[in-house]
Amino acid sequence: MERKLFIIMLLSLMTMGVIESKAQDFRHKHEPREQRLFCLSDEKFTILYNKVKNASFDAPKMDLIEVASLGAFYSCEQCASIMSIFSFGDKKLAALRLMAPRIL
């Protein structure tokens, strides 16, 4: 049941991503270059991923994700990678809740 809920939520986010993609295309045409949003680069994401993965407990992992999400944007793939660090569905969803507003 929990896996089905996770899949439904992920599909919902992907659907919202399609809508956001169209809005992002519009912004790219009409916003100044300095205001455009970009995902974390591969090297910066690797640093974040390793710090989250190497944290001892779930609470510090969530803190790292929360702080990184203050200024970072993620691709869907990056978000899925971070979620894969956690073993349990509730922690994966908690991580997703932190990153969801920052997925491009």
N, C-alpha and C. Protein backbone atom coordinates (compact mmCIF):
# COMPACT_ATOMS: atom_id res chain seq x y z
N MET A 1 0.82 -1.19 0.00
CA MET A 1 0.00 0.00 0.00
C MET A 1 0.87 1.26 0.00
N GLU A 2 1.92 1.23 0.83
CA GLU A 2 2.80 2.39 0.93
C GLU A 2 3.53 2.64 -0.40
N ARG A 3 3.90 1.57 -1.07
CA ARG A 3 4.58 1.69 -2.36
C ARG A 3 3.64 2.31 -3.41
N LYS A 4 2.36 1.91 -3.38
CA LYS A 4 1.39 2.47 -4.32
C LYS A 4 1.22 3.97 -4.07
N LEU A 5 1.16 4.36 -2.80
CA LEU A 5 1.03 5.78 -2.45
C LEU A 5 2.25 6.56 -2.95
N PHE A 6 3.42 5.97 -2.77
CA PHE A 6 4.65 6.61 -3.24
C PHE A 6 4.63 6.80 -4.75
N ILE A 7 4.20 5.78 -5.48
CA ILE A 7 4.14 5.86 -6.95
C ILE A 7 3.12 6.90 -7.39
N ILE A 8 1.97 6.93 -6.71
CA ILE A 8 0.94 7.93 -7.05
C ILE A 8 1.47 9.34 -6.82
N MET A 9 2.15 9.54 -5.69
CA MET A 9 2.70 10.88 -5.40
C MET A 9 3.76 11.26 -6.42
N LEU A 10 4.61 10.32 -6.77
CA LEU A 10 5.65 10.61 -7.75
C LEU A 10 5.05 10.95 -9.11
N LEU A 11 4.03 10.21 -9.53
CA LEU A 11 3.37 10.51 -10.79
C LEU A 11 2.69 11.88 -10.74
N SER A 12 2.12 12.23 -9.60
CA SER A 12 1.49 13.55 -9.45
C SER A 12 2.53 14.64 -9.59
N LEU A 13 3.68 14.44 -8.97
CA LEU A 13 4.74 15.43 -9.08
C LEU A 13 5.25 15.54 -10.51
N MET A 14 5.32 14.40 -11.20
CA MET A 14 5.77 14.43 -12.58
C MET A 14 4.78 15.19 -13.45
N THR A 15 3.47 15.00 -13.18
CA THR A 15 2.44 15.72 -13.92
C THR A 15 2.56 17.21 -13.67
N MET A 16 2.76 17.58 -12.41
CA MET A 16 2.95 19.00 -12.10
C MET A 16 4.19 19.53 -12.79
N GLY A 17 5.18 18.65 -12.95
CA GLY A 17 6.41 19.05 -13.63
C GLY A 17 6.16 19.42 -15.08
N VAL A 18 5.23 18.73 -15.73
CA VAL A 18 4.88 19.05 -17.12
C VAL A 18 4.28 20.45 -17.18
N ILE A 19 3.39 20.75 -16.25
CA ILE A 19 2.79 22.08 -16.20
C ILE A 19 3.86 23.11 -15.90
N GLU A 20 4.72 22.80 -14.92
CA GLU A 20 5.79 23.72 -14.56
C GLU A 20 6.76 23.90 -15.72
N SER A 21 6.96 22.85 -16.51
CA SER A 21 7.85 22.93 -17.66
C SER A 21 7.36 23.97 -18.66
N LYS A 22 6.06 24.00 -18.90
CA LYS A 22 5.51 25.00 -19.82
C LYS A 22 5.68 26.40 -19.24
N ALA A 23 5.47 26.54 -17.94
CA ALA A 23 5.67 27.83 -17.29
C ALA A 23 7.14 28.23 -17.35
N GLN A 24 8.01 27.25 -17.18
CA GLN A 24 9.44 27.53 -17.23
C GLN A 24 9.85 27.97 -18.64
N ASP A 25 9.30 27.35 -19.67
CA ASP A 25 9.58 27.76 -21.04
C ASP A 25 9.17 29.22 -21.25
N PHE A 26 8.01 29.59 -20.72
CA PHE A 26 7.53 30.96 -20.84
C PHE A 26 8.49 31.90 -20.12
N ARG A 27 8.91 31.52 -18.91
CA ARG A 27 9.84 32.37 -18.15
C ARG A 27 11.16 32.53 -18.88
N HIS A 28 11.66 31.45 -19.51
CA HIS A 28 12.93 31.54 -20.22
C HIS A 28 12.86 32.57 -21.35
N LYS A 29 11.70 32.71 -21.93
CA LYS A 29 11.55 33.66 -23.03
C LYS A 29 11.38 35.09 -22.54
N HIS A 30 10.86 35.27 -21.31
CA HIS A 30 10.47 36.59 -20.87
C HIS A 30 11.24 37.13 -19.66
N GLU A 31 12.04 36.31 -18.99
CA GLU A 31 12.80 36.78 -17.83
C GLU A 31 14.22 37.11 -18.25
N PRO A 32 14.83 38.06 -17.54
CA PRO A 32 16.26 38.31 -17.79
C PRO A 32 17.08 37.07 -17.46
N ARG A 33 18.19 36.93 -18.11
CA ARG A 33 19.04 35.76 -17.95
C ARG A 33 19.43 35.52 -16.48
N GLU A 34 19.64 36.58 -15.72
CA GLU A 34 20.09 36.44 -14.33
C GLU A 34 19.04 35.79 -13.45
N GLN A 35 17.77 35.87 -13.82
CA GLN A 35 16.71 35.35 -12.97
C GLN A 35 16.32 33.92 -13.32
N ARG A 36 16.89 33.34 -14.32
CA ARG A 36 16.54 31.97 -14.70
C ARG A 36 17.05 30.99 -13.65
N LEU A 37 16.33 29.93 -13.45
CA LEU A 37 16.66 28.95 -12.42
C LEU A 37 17.31 27.73 -13.05
N PHE A 38 18.30 27.18 -12.35
CA PHE A 38 19.00 26.01 -12.84
C PHE A 38 19.17 25.00 -11.72
N CYS A 39 19.21 23.73 -12.08
CA CYS A 39 19.44 22.66 -11.12
C CYS A 39 20.88 22.72 -10.63
N LEU A 40 21.12 22.04 -9.52
CA LEU A 40 22.49 21.90 -9.04
C LEU A 40 23.35 21.25 -10.12
N SER A 41 24.57 21.70 -10.23
CA SER A 41 25.48 21.05 -11.17
C SER A 41 25.79 19.65 -10.64
N ASP A 42 26.29 18.80 -11.52
CA ASP A 42 26.60 17.42 -11.11
C ASP A 42 27.60 17.38 -9.97
N GLU A 43 28.62 18.23 -10.03
CA GLU A 43 29.64 18.19 -8.96
C GLU A 43 29.09 18.69 -7.63
N LYS A 44 28.25 19.72 -7.64
CA LYS A 44 27.66 20.21 -6.40
C LYS A 44 26.64 19.22 -5.85
N PHE A 45 25.90 18.58 -6.75
CA PHE A 45 24.95 17.58 -6.31
C PHE A 45 25.68 16.39 -5.69
N THR A 46 26.79 15.99 -6.27
CA THR A 46 27.57 14.88 -5.72
C THR A 46 28.03 15.19 -4.31
N ILE A 47 28.44 16.42 -4.08
CA ILE A 47 28.85 16.82 -2.73
C ILE A 47 27.68 16.69 -1.75
N LEU A 48 26.52 17.22 -2.14
CA LEU A 48 25.34 17.12 -1.29
C LEU A 48 24.95 15.67 -1.07
N TYR A 49 24.91 14.88 -2.13
CA TYR A 49 24.54 13.47 -2.03
C TYR A 49 25.44 12.74 -1.05
N ASN A 50 26.75 12.93 -1.17
CA ASN A 50 27.70 12.24 -0.28
C ASN A 50 27.54 12.68 1.16
N LYS A 51 27.30 13.97 1.39
CA LYS A 51 27.10 14.45 2.76
C LYS A 51 25.84 13.86 3.38
N VAL A 52 24.77 13.80 2.60
CA VAL A 52 23.53 13.21 3.11
C VAL A 52 23.72 11.71 3.34
N LYS A 53 24.35 11.03 2.42
CA LYS A 53 24.54 9.59 2.53
C LYS A 53 25.43 9.24 3.72
N ASN A 54 26.44 10.05 3.99
CA ASN A 54 27.39 9.76 5.06
C ASN A 54 26.93 10.22 6.44
N ALA A 55 25.84 10.96 6.51
CA ALA A 55 25.30 11.36 7.81
C ALA A 55 24.83 10.12 8.55
N SER A 56 25.04 10.10 9.87
CA SER A 56 24.78 8.90 10.66
C SER A 56 23.30 8.56 10.82
N PHE A 57 22.48 9.57 11.06
CA PHE A 57 21.08 9.33 11.37
C PHE A 57 20.18 10.10 10.41
N ASP A 58 18.90 9.77 10.43
CA ASP A 58 17.96 10.40 9.50
C ASP A 58 17.75 11.88 9.78
N ALA A 59 17.75 12.28 11.05
CA ALA A 59 17.51 13.70 11.38
C ALA A 59 18.57 14.61 10.76
N PRO A 60 19.85 14.31 10.90
CA PRO A 60 20.85 15.16 10.24
C PRO A 60 20.75 15.13 8.71
N LYS A 61 20.34 13.98 8.18
CA LYS A 61 20.16 13.88 6.73
C LYS A 61 19.07 14.85 6.28
N MET A 62 17.96 14.86 7.02
CA MET A 62 16.86 15.77 6.68
C MET A 62 17.29 17.23 6.84
N ASP A 63 18.09 17.49 7.86
CA ASP A 63 18.58 18.86 8.06
C ASP A 63 19.44 19.31 6.89
N LEU A 64 20.30 18.43 6.41
CA LEU A 64 21.14 18.76 5.24
C LEU A 64 20.29 19.06 4.01
N ILE A 65 19.28 18.23 3.79
CA ILE A 65 18.40 18.44 2.64
C ILE A 65 17.64 19.75 2.78
N GLU A 66 17.15 20.01 4.00
CA GLU A 66 16.39 21.24 4.23
C GLU A 66 17.24 22.48 3.99
N VAL A 67 18.46 22.48 4.49
CA VAL A 67 19.35 23.63 4.30
C VAL A 67 19.73 23.78 2.84
N ALA A 68 20.04 22.68 2.18
CA ALA A 68 20.41 22.75 0.76
C ALA A 68 19.24 23.26 -0.07
N SER A 69 18.03 22.92 0.33
CA SER A 69 16.84 23.31 -0.43
C SER A 69 16.51 24.79 -0.30
N LEU A 70 17.16 25.48 0.61
CA LEU A 70 16.94 26.92 0.73
C LEU A 70 17.46 27.66 -0.50
N GLY A 71 18.53 27.14 -1.11
CA GLY A 71 19.11 27.84 -2.25
C GLY A 71 19.32 27.00 -3.48
N ALA A 72 18.95 25.73 -3.42
CA ALA A 72 19.22 24.83 -4.54
C ALA A 72 17.93 24.42 -5.23
N PHE A 73 18.06 24.11 -6.50
CA PHE A 73 16.98 23.52 -7.27
C PHE A 73 17.45 22.16 -7.75
N TYR A 74 16.51 21.23 -7.89
CA TYR A 74 16.85 19.85 -8.22
C TYR A 74 16.17 19.41 -9.51
N SER A 75 16.82 18.49 -10.20
CA SER A 75 16.16 17.80 -11.30
C SER A 75 15.40 16.62 -10.67
N CYS A 76 14.50 16.02 -11.42
CA CYS A 76 13.77 14.85 -10.92
C CYS A 76 14.74 13.71 -10.60
N GLU A 77 15.74 13.56 -11.43
CA GLU A 77 16.73 12.50 -11.22
C GLU A 77 17.50 12.73 -9.93
N GLN A 78 17.88 13.98 -9.66
CA GLN A 78 18.59 14.29 -8.43
C GLN A 78 17.72 14.01 -7.22
N CYS A 79 16.46 14.38 -7.31
CA CYS A 79 15.52 14.15 -6.23
C CYS A 79 15.38 12.64 -5.96
N ALA A 80 15.24 11.87 -7.00
CA ALA A 80 15.12 10.42 -6.85
C ALA A 80 16.38 9.82 -6.24
N SER A 81 17.54 10.36 -6.59
CA SER A 81 18.80 9.86 -6.03
C SER A 81 18.87 10.10 -4.52
N ILE A 82 18.48 11.30 -4.11
CA ILE A 82 18.47 11.60 -2.67
C ILE A 82 17.48 10.70 -1.95
N MET A 83 16.30 10.51 -2.54
CA MET A 83 15.30 9.66 -1.90
C MET A 83 15.78 8.21 -1.77
N SER A 84 16.61 7.75 -2.70
CA SER A 84 17.08 6.37 -2.66
C SER A 84 18.01 6.10 -1.48
N ILE A 85 18.51 7.16 -0.85
CA ILE A 85 19.38 6.99 0.31
C ILE A 85 18.61 6.39 1.48
N PHE A 86 17.33 6.73 1.58
CA PHE A 86 16.53 6.31 2.71
C PHE A 86 15.92 4.94 2.47
N SER A 87 15.82 4.15 3.55
CA SER A 87 15.31 2.78 3.44
C SER A 87 13.79 2.71 3.53
N PHE A 88 13.20 3.61 4.29
CA PHE A 88 11.76 3.52 4.56
C PHE A 88 10.99 4.59 3.81
N GLY A 89 9.78 4.22 3.40
CA GLY A 89 8.92 5.10 2.59
C GLY A 89 8.59 6.41 3.26
N ASP A 90 8.39 6.41 4.59
CA ASP A 90 8.05 7.65 5.26
C ASP A 90 9.20 8.64 5.22
N LYS A 91 10.42 8.16 5.30
CA LYS A 91 11.59 9.05 5.22
C LYS A 91 11.79 9.53 3.78
N LYS A 92 11.52 8.66 2.81
CA LYS A 92 11.61 9.07 1.40
C LYS A 92 10.61 10.18 1.12
N LEU A 93 9.40 10.04 1.64
CA LEU A 93 8.37 11.06 1.45
C LEU A 93 8.72 12.36 2.17
N ALA A 94 9.34 12.24 3.35
CA ALA A 94 9.76 13.44 4.08
C ALA A 94 10.82 14.20 3.27
N ALA A 95 11.75 13.47 2.68
CA ALA A 95 12.77 14.10 1.84
C ALA A 95 12.13 14.74 0.61
N LEU A 96 11.17 14.03 0.03
CA LEU A 96 10.47 14.55 -1.14
C LEU A 96 9.72 15.84 -0.80
N ARG A 97 9.09 15.87 0.38
CA ARG A 97 8.38 17.09 0.79
C ARG A 97 9.33 18.29 0.89
N LEU A 98 10.54 18.06 1.32
CA LEU A 98 11.50 19.14 1.43
C LEU A 98 11.97 19.62 0.05
N MET A 99 12.14 18.68 -0.87
CA MET A 99 12.69 19.02 -2.18
C MET A 99 11.65 19.40 -3.22
N ALA A 100 10.41 18.93 -3.05
CA ALA A 100 9.37 19.10 -4.08
C ALA A 100 9.21 20.54 -4.57
N PRO A 101 9.18 21.54 -3.69
CA PRO A 101 9.00 22.90 -4.20
C PRO A 101 10.21 23.41 -5.00
N ARG A 102 11.30 22.67 -4.94
CA ARG A 102 12.53 23.10 -5.60
C ARG A 102 12.90 22.23 -6.80
N ILE A 103 11.96 21.41 -7.27
CA ILE A 103 12.23 20.55 -8.43
C ILE A 103 11.90 21.33 -9.70
N LEU A 104 12.84 21.34 -10.61
CA LEU A 104 12.61 22.02 -11.91
C LEU A 104 12.34 20.99 -12.98
